[in-house]
Protein backbone atom coordinates (compact mmCIF):
# COMPACT_ATOMS: atom_id res chain seq x y z
CA UNK A 1 0.00 0.01 0.00
CA UNK A 2 1.35 3.45 -0.90
CA UNK A 3 2.21 5.81 1.96
CA UNK A 4 -0.42 8.40 0.90
CA UNK A 5 -3.13 5.71 0.76
CA UNK A 6 -2.13 4.42 4.22
CA UNK A 7 -2.27 7.93 5.65
CA UNK A 8 -5.73 8.43 4.14
CA UNK A 9 -6.95 5.12 5.60
CA UNK A 10 -5.58 6.00 9.08
CA UNK A 11 -7.22 9.41 8.86
CA UNK A 12 -10.58 7.84 8.04
CA UNK A 13 -10.29 5.33 10.93
CA UNK A 14 -9.47 8.09 13.40
CA UNK A 15 -12.44 10.09 12.15
CA UNK A 16 -14.76 7.13 12.71
CA UNK A 17 -13.44 6.59 16.20
CA UNK A 18 -13.81 10.28 17.13
CA UNK A 19 -17.36 10.35 15.79
CA UNK A 20 -18.29 7.57 18.23
CA UNK A 21 -16.95 9.39 21.30
CA UNK A 22 -19.36 11.67 23.14
CA UNK A 23 -18.15 15.26 23.70
CA UNK A 24 -17.93 14.74 27.46
CA UNK A 25 -15.51 11.87 26.91
CA UNK A 26 -13.07 13.65 24.64
CA UNK A 27 -9.91 14.58 26.49
CA UNK A 28 -10.32 18.25 25.58
CA UNK A 29 -13.70 18.37 27.33
CA UNK A 30 -12.94 16.32 30.42
CA UNK A 31 -13.28 18.08 33.71
CA UNK A 32 -9.88 19.16 34.97
CA UNK A 33 -9.30 19.79 38.63
CA UNK A 34 -6.10 21.19 40.11
CA UNK A 35 -4.36 23.14 42.84
CA UNK A 36 -5.69 26.39 41.41
CA UNK A 37 -9.31 25.42 42.17
CA UNK A 38 -10.86 26.27 45.54
CA UNK A 39 -13.76 24.80 47.45
CA UNK A 40 -16.12 27.15 49.26
CA UNK A 41 -17.97 25.34 52.06
CA UNK A 42 -21.43 26.35 53.31
CA UNK A 43 -22.70 24.65 56.48
CA UNK A 44 -25.90 24.20 58.48
CA UNK A 45 -25.39 22.24 61.71
CA UNK A 46 -27.22 21.44 64.89
CA UNK A 47 -25.99 23.16 68.09
CA UNK A 48 -24.20 25.81 66.12
CA UNK A 49 -25.09 29.20 64.61
CA UNK A 50 -24.38 27.89 61.11
CA UNK A 51 -27.32 28.37 58.80
CA UNK A 52 -26.14 28.06 55.19
CA UNK A 53 -23.07 29.85 56.52
CA UNK A 54 -19.81 30.18 54.62
CA UNK A 55 -17.54 28.26 57.03
CA UNK A 56 -14.29 27.68 55.16
CA UNK A 57 -12.42 27.75 51.86
CA UNK A 58 -10.46 24.62 50.97
CA UNK A 59 -7.60 23.97 48.54
CA UNK A 60 -6.87 20.86 46.51
CA UNK A 61 -3.69 18.84 46.86
CA UNK A 62 -2.48 15.90 44.83
CA UNK A 63 -3.85 12.70 46.29
CA UNK A 64 -3.57 9.49 44.31
CA UNK A 65 -4.97 6.15 45.48
CA UNK A 66 -6.90 6.75 48.76
CA UNK A 67 -6.56 4.27 51.57
CA UNK A 68 -9.61 2.36 52.80
CA UNK A 69 -9.03 3.95 56.21
CA UNK A 70 -9.76 7.39 54.70
CA UNK A 71 -13.31 8.70 54.44
CA UNK A 72 -13.87 10.10 50.97
CA UNK A 73 -16.52 11.68 48.80
CA UNK A 74 -15.57 10.72 45.22
CA UNK A 75 -16.89 13.09 42.56
CA UNK A 76 -16.76 12.39 38.82
CA UNK A 77 -17.95 15.45 36.82
CA UNK A 78 -17.64 13.60 33.51
CA UNK A 79 -20.51 11.27 34.30
CA UNK A 80 -23.67 13.38 33.77
CA UNK A 81 -27.32 12.46 34.30
CA UNK A 82 -30.64 14.30 34.46
CA UNK A 83 -31.05 18.06 34.10
CA UNK A 84 -32.62 19.97 36.96
CA UNK A 85 -35.97 21.65 36.36
CA UNK A 86 -36.06 23.51 39.68
CA UNK A 87 -36.68 23.37 43.44
CA UNK A 88 -39.42 25.18 45.30
CA UNK A 89 -42.69 25.00 47.27
CA UNK A 90 -46.46 25.34 46.97
CA UNK A 91 -48.33 28.66 46.86
CA UNK A 92 -51.58 27.60 48.49
CA UNK A 93 -54.59 29.50 49.76
CA UNK A 94 -53.24 29.01 53.30
CA UNK A 95 -49.87 30.50 52.42
CA UNK A 96 -51.46 33.45 50.66
CA UNK A 97 -53.93 34.20 53.47
CA UNK A 98 -51.18 34.06 56.06
CA UNK A 99 -48.95 36.27 53.94
CA UNK A 100 -51.49 39.09 53.68
CA UNK A 101 -52.12 39.10 57.45
CA UNK A 102 -48.53 40.23 57.97
CA UNK A 103 -46.92 43.70 57.87
CA UNK A 104 -45.44 44.71 54.52
CA UNK A 105 -41.92 44.45 55.92
CA UNK A 106 -42.45 40.82 56.91
CA UNK A 107 -44.06 40.06 53.54
CA UNK A 108 -40.96 41.36 51.81
CA UNK A 109 -38.71 39.34 54.14
CA UNK A 110 -40.55 36.14 53.17
CA UNK A 111 -40.34 36.85 49.45
CA UNK A 112 -36.63 37.63 49.72
CA UNK A 113 -36.00 34.57 51.89
CA UNK A 114 -37.49 32.22 49.31
CA UNK A 115 -36.81 33.82 45.96
CA UNK A 116 -33.74 36.06 46.15
CA UNK A 117 -30.75 34.16 44.78
CA UNK A 118 -28.22 36.21 46.77
CA UNK A 119 -29.79 36.79 50.20
CA UNK A 120 -32.38 33.97 50.03
CA UNK A 121 -32.56 30.37 48.84
CA UNK A 122 -33.53 31.01 45.23
CA UNK A 123 -36.72 29.00 44.69
CA UNK A 124 -37.56 28.44 40.98
CA UNK A 125 -40.43 25.94 41.11
CA UNK A 126 -43.97 26.29 42.46
CA UNK A 127 -47.27 24.42 42.70
CA UNK A 128 -50.81 25.66 43.33
CA UNK A 129 -54.26 24.12 43.71
CA UNK A 130 -57.17 23.99 41.20
CA UNK A 131 -60.30 24.71 43.31
CA UNK A 132 -60.03 24.25 47.08
CA UNK A 133 -57.79 21.88 49.03
CA UNK A 134 -57.34 21.13 52.72
CA UNK A 135 -55.06 24.16 53.01
CA UNK A 136 -57.89 26.54 52.11
CA UNK A 137 -60.10 28.25 54.67
CA UNK A 138 -63.21 26.89 53.00
CA UNK A 139 -64.41 24.44 50.35
CA UNK A 140 -65.16 26.13 47.04
CA UNK A 141 -65.62 25.45 43.33
CA UNK A 142 -65.20 27.64 40.28
CA UNK A 143 -68.55 26.67 38.72
CA UNK A 144 -72.18 26.57 39.77
CA UNK A 145 -73.95 23.27 40.37
CA UNK A 146 -74.83 21.24 37.24
CA UNK A 147 -73.16 23.76 34.89
CA UNK A 148 -71.82 21.18 32.46
CA UNK A 149 -70.95 23.87 29.90
CA UNK A 150 -68.88 25.73 32.58
CA UNK A 151 -70.55 29.04 31.63
CA UNK A 152 -70.35 30.20 35.27
CA UNK A 153 -66.62 29.47 35.60
CA UNK A 154 -64.66 32.14 37.41
CA UNK A 155 -61.70 32.39 39.80
CA UNK A 156 -63.00 35.36 41.81
CA UNK A 157 -62.27 33.44 45.01
CA UNK A 158 -58.55 33.34 44.17
CA UNK A 159 -58.32 37.05 43.36
CA UNK A 160 -58.46 38.06 47.03
CA UNK A 161 -55.30 36.35 48.20
CA UNK A 162 -53.83 33.60 46.01
CA UNK A 163 -53.51 35.29 42.63
CA UNK A 164 -51.85 38.42 44.04
CA UNK A 165 -49.56 36.24 46.15
CA UNK A 166 -48.45 34.16 43.16
CA UNK A 167 -47.81 37.34 41.15
CA UNK A 168 -45.66 38.76 43.98
CA UNK A 169 -43.76 35.50 44.15
CA UNK A 170 -43.12 35.51 40.42
CA UNK A 171 -41.84 39.09 40.61
CA UNK A 172 -39.60 38.21 43.56
CA UNK A 173 -38.17 35.30 41.54
CA UNK A 174 -37.09 37.70 38.86
CA UNK A 175 -40.16 37.44 36.66
CA UNK A 176 -40.10 33.69 36.05
CA UNK A 177 -41.38 30.84 38.20
CA UNK A 178 -42.05 27.34 36.84
CA UNK A 179 -45.59 26.69 38.13
CA UNK A 180 -47.64 23.51 37.94
CA UNK A 181 -51.24 23.13 39.08
CA UNK A 182 -53.14 20.24 40.74
CA UNK A 183 -56.81 19.53 41.50
CA UNK A 184 -57.85 17.97 44.84
CA UNK A 185 -61.45 17.36 43.71
CA UNK A 186 -63.91 18.06 40.90
CA UNK A 187 -67.07 19.96 41.86
CA UNK A 188 -69.32 17.91 44.12
CA UNK A 189 -72.03 17.42 41.48
CA UNK A 190 -69.50 15.71 39.17
CA UNK A 191 -68.72 13.03 41.73
CA UNK A 192 -70.31 9.75 42.78
CA UNK A 193 -70.59 10.84 46.45
CA UNK A 194 -71.86 14.34 45.59
CA UNK A 195 -69.22 15.78 47.89
CA UNK A 196 -65.87 17.47 47.22
CA UNK A 197 -64.59 15.82 50.40
CA UNK A 198 -64.35 12.13 51.44
CA UNK A 199 -63.08 10.56 48.25
CA UNK A 200 -65.70 9.52 45.75
CA UNK A 201 -65.03 9.20 42.03
CA UNK A 202 -65.60 11.28 38.92
CA UNK A 203 -68.86 10.29 37.26
CA UNK A 204 -68.18 9.01 33.69
CA UNK A 205 -70.70 11.41 32.19
CA UNK A 206 -68.60 14.33 33.42
CA UNK A 207 -65.20 13.18 32.10
CA UNK A 208 -65.25 15.76 29.34
CA UNK A 209 -66.62 18.62 31.43
CA UNK A 210 -63.91 18.00 34.08
CA UNK A 211 -61.18 17.93 31.37
CA UNK A 212 -62.56 21.23 30.08
CA UNK A 213 -62.29 22.75 33.53
CA UNK A 214 -58.50 22.23 33.60
CA UNK A 215 -58.32 24.18 30.33
CA UNK A 216 -60.53 26.95 31.72
CA UNK A 217 -58.35 27.24 34.82
CA UNK A 218 -55.06 27.34 32.98
CA UNK A 219 -56.22 29.89 30.39
CA UNK A 220 -57.85 32.06 33.06
CA UNK A 221 -54.72 32.11 35.26
CA UNK A 222 -52.58 32.94 32.23
CA UNK A 223 -54.92 35.86 31.39
CA UNK A 224 -54.34 37.00 34.97
CA UNK A 225 -50.61 37.13 34.23
CA UNK A 226 -49.64 33.76 35.77
CA UNK A 227 -47.96 31.42 33.27
CA UNK A 228 -48.66 27.73 33.90
CA UNK A 229 -45.88 25.30 33.01
CA UNK A 230 -47.72 22.04 33.76
CA UNK A 231 -50.42 20.17 35.65
CA UNK A 232 -51.04 16.93 37.45
CA UNK A 233 -54.11 14.80 36.84
CA UNK A 234 -55.17 14.49 40.47
CA UNK A 235 -53.62 15.09 43.88
CA UNK A 236 -53.28 11.80 45.82
CA UNK A 237 -55.71 9.71 43.71
CA UNK A 238 -55.71 6.78 46.13
CA UNK A 239 -56.57 8.81 49.25
CA UNK A 240 -60.11 8.92 50.65
CA UNK A 241 -59.55 11.95 52.86
CA UNK A 242 -61.80 14.03 55.12
CA UNK A 243 -60.77 16.94 52.89
CA UNK A 244 -61.02 17.43 49.11
CA UNK A 245 -60.17 14.15 47.41
CA UNK A 246 -61.11 11.98 44.44
CA UNK A 247 -60.22 8.35 43.76
CA UNK A 248 -58.70 7.10 40.50
CA UNK A 249 -57.33 3.61 39.99
CA UNK A 250 -54.28 3.41 37.71
CA UNK A 251 -56.60 2.26 34.91
CA UNK A 252 -59.00 5.15 35.60
CA UNK A 253 -56.15 7.66 35.37
CA UNK A 254 -54.74 6.03 32.22
CA UNK A 255 -58.09 6.15 30.44
CA UNK A 256 -58.90 9.71 31.58
CA UNK A 257 -55.55 10.91 30.26
CA UNK A 258 -55.82 8.93 27.03
CA UNK A 259 -59.44 9.71 26.16
CA UNK A 260 -60.17 13.07 27.72
CA UNK A 261 -57.49 15.16 29.44
CA UNK A 262 -54.64 14.66 26.95
CA UNK A 263 -56.75 15.24 23.80
CA UNK A 264 -58.54 18.20 25.39
CA UNK A 265 -55.30 19.96 26.26
CA UNK A 266 -54.02 19.45 22.72
CA UNK A 267 -57.27 20.57 21.07
CA UNK A 268 -57.23 23.79 23.10
CA UNK A 269 -53.69 24.84 22.27
CA UNK A 270 -52.16 23.58 25.54
CA UNK A 271 -50.09 20.70 24.14
CA UNK A 272 -46.98 22.38 25.61
CA UNK A 273 -48.26 21.99 29.18
CA UNK A 274 -46.41 19.23 30.99
CA UNK A 275 -48.79 16.53 32.21
CA UNK A 276 -47.88 14.70 35.45
CA UNK A 277 -49.47 11.41 36.54
CA UNK A 278 -49.79 9.79 39.98
CA UNK A 279 -48.94 12.73 42.32
CA UNK A 280 -49.09 10.46 45.35
CA UNK A 281 -46.68 8.36 47.47
CA UNK A 282 -43.53 6.40 46.57
CA UNK A 283 -45.09 3.10 47.71
CA UNK A 284 -47.27 2.52 44.59
CA UNK A 285 -45.04 4.56 42.30
CA UNK A 286 -43.95 1.79 39.94
CA UNK A 287 -47.37 0.14 39.60
CA UNK A 288 -49.05 3.49 38.84
CA UNK A 289 -46.40 4.71 36.41
CA UNK A 290 -46.14 1.43 34.52
CA UNK A 291 -49.92 1.10 34.09
CA UNK A 292 -50.08 4.45 32.30
CA UNK A 293 -46.72 4.59 30.56
CA UNK A 294 -46.97 1.10 29.04
CA UNK A 295 -50.01 2.32 27.09
CA UNK A 296 -48.60 4.27 24.12
CA UNK A 297 -51.82 6.20 23.55
CA UNK A 298 -51.80 7.49 27.16
CA UNK A 299 -48.03 7.82 27.47
CA UNK A 300 -47.77 10.20 24.52
CA UNK A 301 -49.52 12.87 26.56
CA UNK A 302 -47.48 12.36 29.77
CA UNK A 303 -44.38 14.38 30.64
CA UNK A 304 -43.62 12.43 33.79
CA UNK A 305 -44.60 10.97 37.14
CA UNK A 306 -45.00 12.91 40.38
CA UNK A 307 -44.80 11.57 43.90
CA UNK A 308 -45.08 12.41 47.61
CA UNK A 309 -43.31 11.03 50.70
CA UNK A 310 -46.10 10.31 53.19
CA UNK A 311 -46.02 6.49 53.09
CA UNK A 312 -42.61 4.73 53.45
CA UNK A 313 -39.32 5.98 52.04
CA UNK A 314 -38.79 3.11 49.50
CA UNK A 315 -36.44 5.34 47.47
CA UNK A 316 -35.65 2.39 45.17
CA UNK A 317 -39.12 2.71 43.69
CA UNK A 318 -38.11 6.06 42.23
CA UNK A 319 -35.05 4.40 40.70
CA UNK A 320 -37.14 1.57 39.27
CA UNK A 321 -39.42 3.95 37.39
CA UNK A 322 -36.38 5.86 36.13
CA UNK A 323 -34.81 2.63 34.89
CA UNK A 324 -37.98 1.38 33.25
CA UNK A 325 -39.04 4.61 31.60
CA UNK A 326 -35.86 6.65 31.02
CA UNK A 327 -37.56 8.92 28.48
CA UNK A 328 -40.09 10.19 30.98
CA UNK A 329 -39.43 12.51 33.93
CA UNK A 330 -39.78 12.15 37.70
CA UNK A 331 -40.72 15.03 39.99
CA UNK A 332 -41.29 15.22 43.73
CA UNK A 333 -44.58 17.12 43.93
CA UNK A 334 -45.32 17.38 47.68
CA UNK A 335 -43.95 16.69 51.11
CA UNK A 336 -44.24 18.22 54.58
CA UNK A 337 -43.87 17.28 58.20
CA UNK A 338 -47.35 16.55 59.49
CA UNK A 339 -49.20 16.97 62.83
CA UNK A 340 -48.17 20.50 63.72
CA UNK A 341 -47.12 21.05 67.32
CA UNK A 342 -45.66 24.42 68.29
CA UNK A 343 -43.57 22.87 71.06
CA UNK A 344 -41.52 20.83 68.51
CA UNK A 345 -41.14 23.52 65.84
CA UNK A 346 -37.41 23.88 66.57
CA UNK A 347 -36.64 20.15 66.50
CA UNK A 348 -33.67 19.49 64.22
CA UNK A 349 -35.19 16.29 62.82
CA UNK A 350 -37.58 18.22 60.57
CA UNK A 351 -34.74 19.49 58.42
CA UNK A 352 -33.00 16.11 58.30
CA UNK A 353 -36.12 14.50 56.82
CA UNK A 354 -35.80 16.92 53.91
CA UNK A 355 -32.06 16.38 53.50
CA UNK A 356 -32.43 12.61 53.36
CA UNK A 357 -35.31 12.73 50.91
CA UNK A 358 -33.70 15.25 48.56
CA UNK A 359 -30.34 13.42 48.38
CA UNK A 360 -32.00 10.09 47.60
CA UNK A 361 -34.64 11.43 45.24
CA UNK A 362 -32.15 13.35 43.12
CA UNK A 363 -29.74 10.40 43.07
CA UNK A 364 -32.59 8.21 41.81
CA UNK A 365 -33.48 10.52 38.94
CA UNK A 366 -35.87 13.32 39.89
CA UNK A 367 -35.61 16.55 37.92
CA UNK A 368 -37.60 18.76 40.30
CA UNK A 369 -38.44 18.87 44.02
CA UNK A 370 -41.45 20.72 45.44
CA UNK A 371 -42.16 21.28 49.13
CA UNK A 372 -45.75 21.75 50.31
CA UNK A 373 -46.93 25.15 51.79
CA UNK A 374 -44.15 27.75 51.76
CA UNK A 375 -45.79 29.61 54.66
CA UNK A 376 -48.30 28.74 57.44
CA UNK A 377 -49.54 30.53 60.52
CA UNK A 378 -48.86 29.93 64.20
CA UNK A 379 -51.33 27.02 64.24
CA UNK A 380 -50.01 25.28 61.14
CA UNK A 381 -52.86 26.48 59.00
CA UNK A 382 -55.30 27.89 58.01
CA UNK A 383 -56.89 24.54 57.17
CA UNK A 384 -60.63 23.96 57.03
CA UNK A 385 -60.43 20.36 58.36
CA UNK A 386 -57.73 21.01 61.03
CA UNK A 387 -55.14 18.97 59.12
CA UNK A 388 -52.41 21.26 60.51
CA UNK A 389 -48.81 20.79 59.32
CA UNK A 390 -45.34 22.34 59.44
CA UNK A 391 -43.86 24.59 56.77
CA UNK A 392 -40.30 25.92 56.47
CA UNK A 393 -41.46 29.36 57.65
CA UNK A 394 -44.22 29.95 60.16
CA UNK A 395 -45.73 33.38 60.81
CA UNK A 396 -47.44 34.51 63.99
CA UNK A 397 -50.26 36.54 62.49
CA UNK A 398 -50.81 38.33 65.82
CA UNK A 399 -47.25 39.51 66.41
CA UNK A 400 -45.76 39.28 62.90
CA UNK A 401 -42.90 37.14 64.20
CA UNK A 402 -41.41 34.69 61.69
CA UNK A 403 -39.97 31.30 62.67
CA UNK A 404 -37.55 29.64 60.27
CA UNK A 405 -37.48 25.86 60.74
CA UNK A 406 -34.39 23.75 60.11
CA UNK A 407 -36.18 22.50 56.98
CA UNK A 408 -35.81 25.96 55.41
CA UNK A 409 -32.03 25.72 55.56
CA UNK A 410 -31.83 22.07 54.51
CA UNK A 411 -33.88 22.78 51.38
CA UNK A 412 -31.79 25.91 50.82
CA UNK A 413 -28.60 23.90 50.60
CA UNK A 414 -30.05 22.51 47.38
CA UNK A 415 -32.20 25.33 45.93
CA UNK A 416 -29.70 28.15 46.49
CA UNK A 417 -26.81 26.46 44.74
CA UNK A 418 -28.30 23.97 42.25
CA UNK A 419 -29.74 26.11 39.52
CA UNK A 420 -32.19 25.15 36.72
CA UNK A 421 -30.37 23.40 33.92
CA UNK A 422 -27.73 21.91 36.24
CA UNK A 423 -26.82 18.26 35.48
CA UNK A 424 -26.48 15.68 38.21
CA UNK A 425 -23.03 14.06 38.30
CA UNK A 426 -21.52 11.16 40.21
CA UNK A 427 -20.84 11.70 43.88
CA UNK A 428 -19.98 8.54 45.80
CA UNK A 429 -19.34 8.10 49.54
CA UNK A 430 -17.24 5.31 51.07
CA UNK A 431 -18.87 5.77 54.46
CA UNK A 432 -22.51 4.98 55.24
CA UNK A 433 -22.49 7.85 57.79
CA UNK A 434 -22.10 10.32 54.93
CA UNK A 435 -24.60 10.54 52.06
CA UNK A 436 -24.04 12.74 49.05
CA UNK A 437 -25.27 14.04 45.71
CA UNK A 438 -23.64 16.44 43.27
CA UNK A 439 -24.42 18.64 40.25
CA UNK A 440 -22.69 20.73 37.63
CA UNK A 441 -24.31 24.10 36.92
CA UNK A 442 -24.38 25.54 33.44
CA UNK A 443 -21.32 27.67 34.25
CA UNK A 444 -19.35 24.46 35.04
CA UNK A 445 -19.43 25.17 38.76
CA UNK A 446 -19.57 21.98 40.79
CA UNK A 447 -22.04 21.70 43.67
CA UNK A 448 -21.46 18.84 46.10
CA UNK A 449 -23.87 18.16 49.00
CA UNK A 450 -22.83 16.07 52.00
CA UNK A 451 -25.35 14.97 54.62
CA UNK A 452 -24.40 13.72 58.11
CA UNK A 453 -27.30 12.36 60.16
CA UNK A 454 -25.09 11.03 62.98
CA UNK A 455 -23.77 12.33 66.28
CA UNK A 456 -20.21 12.02 64.95
CA UNK A 457 -17.72 14.60 63.72
CA UNK A 458 -16.42 12.99 60.52
CA UNK A 459 -13.26 14.09 58.66
CA UNK A 460 -13.26 13.28 54.96
CA UNK A 461 -11.62 14.10 51.64
CA UNK A 462 -13.48 15.60 48.70
CA UNK A 463 -11.68 13.63 45.96
CA UNK A 464 -11.82 14.60 42.28
CA UNK A 465 -9.58 12.96 39.72
CA UNK A 466 -6.45 12.56 41.80
CA UNK A 467 -6.85 15.76 43.77
CA UNK A 468 -8.36 16.06 47.24
CA UNK A 469 -9.50 18.74 49.70
CA UNK A 470 -9.80 17.80 53.33
CA UNK A 471 -12.63 18.95 55.61
CA UNK A 472 -14.83 17.83 58.51
CA UNK A 473 -18.56 17.04 58.53
CA UNK A 474 -20.11 18.25 61.78
CA UNK A 475 -22.67 16.14 63.69
CA UNK A 476 -26.22 16.48 62.35
CA UNK A 477 -25.15 18.74 59.51
CA UNK A 478 -25.60 19.41 55.84
CA UNK A 479 -22.87 21.04 53.79
CA UNK A 480 -22.74 22.39 50.25
CA UNK A 481 -19.26 22.47 48.72
CA UNK A 482 -18.80 24.75 45.71
CA UNK A 483 -15.81 23.88 43.51
CA UNK A 484 -14.74 26.79 41.37
């Protein structure tokens, strides 16, 4: 073979090989760490004054093969997974009513605390209710009884508190907030028990009218200046509650999405709205998701599966859905600490529940994480069935005093530093006392979160590609390490 022909052949082979290598794997695009990079550490810890506090700045040193006697968090920025949609909380009637009972100065403090990216924790995701829920002061519907054509539809109820509150939240977030909406119950006359409360099911003859109501709600809110990103089919469809609730089996939900809700959204110019199924606990997550997503005619309308945390952790169920349906999304749609008791409001455990859930949910594939009410009053309400709960901020509506729970700071360790569009990357711990997750923001900044639920002070190395920075995890702490 002539030399020129051999050179051409080698050139072609190299081109084929390069074409098969993903950009992240090419040596020119690999993440490079070094002594010139620093690690800024933010800490929240029990029995300290640290609350998302900048506690130290670390430097990297060369560190080849670690010993098994060394605690390490191993981070690999070249292995990338899901993109982050956002992190936030629900803007309910209860939160809005409480907000407007406070002095203007306190209202501004709350908005800054949640939505300011510099002085607050930078929420970017939100949820609100379609019609009333338990965290409303009353039970209400947007339409008159037996109005199948929905001619009486209006959201006048929401204009007093909730709509202004959502608008203020959007403004505080810089003019953009990813908002999804969820119904707790159809109007009573559409249901088999003729009651918005206590479960019951949607009567088949009202399938289309109910689907039309979602459209009415979304379009009306958008005319009010509140963009809607997505919606869930039904809040907690397996819960027969003393408050607003409606039962759907997995087959019911599949068929309603396939035959009514999906087509109705598309016919009304709302095909871009992201449709979320399930919106209930992790325990039945796989069974519910698979029933809908294995039906192509239903699945084509579905963006992803939402879930709550109220029954069993079973984090592996999130992973199973992610493994089985990698082209669909997972989103945590609601969680809170229940059974409000003012005497335990400062207990550290409330924050740790959030830390544990968020680390595991993100590691198992979620793209977004949504807390329940962002604000409640001194009783854990208002709530028309006395289902009082905790929220990250409580306001005493008599004195104006605000109480920040540990949960506010634990959520903030994620929401403040992990920005929309960030990609999850590998973060692996060699100690079961330390759990971790990590992300790369769009600006290539690494965000590593380390959670310590023990009573121990635990030294460890943050190890990235042959370089390590040494630090200590305090007892009952969460830290965010920013590599830049």
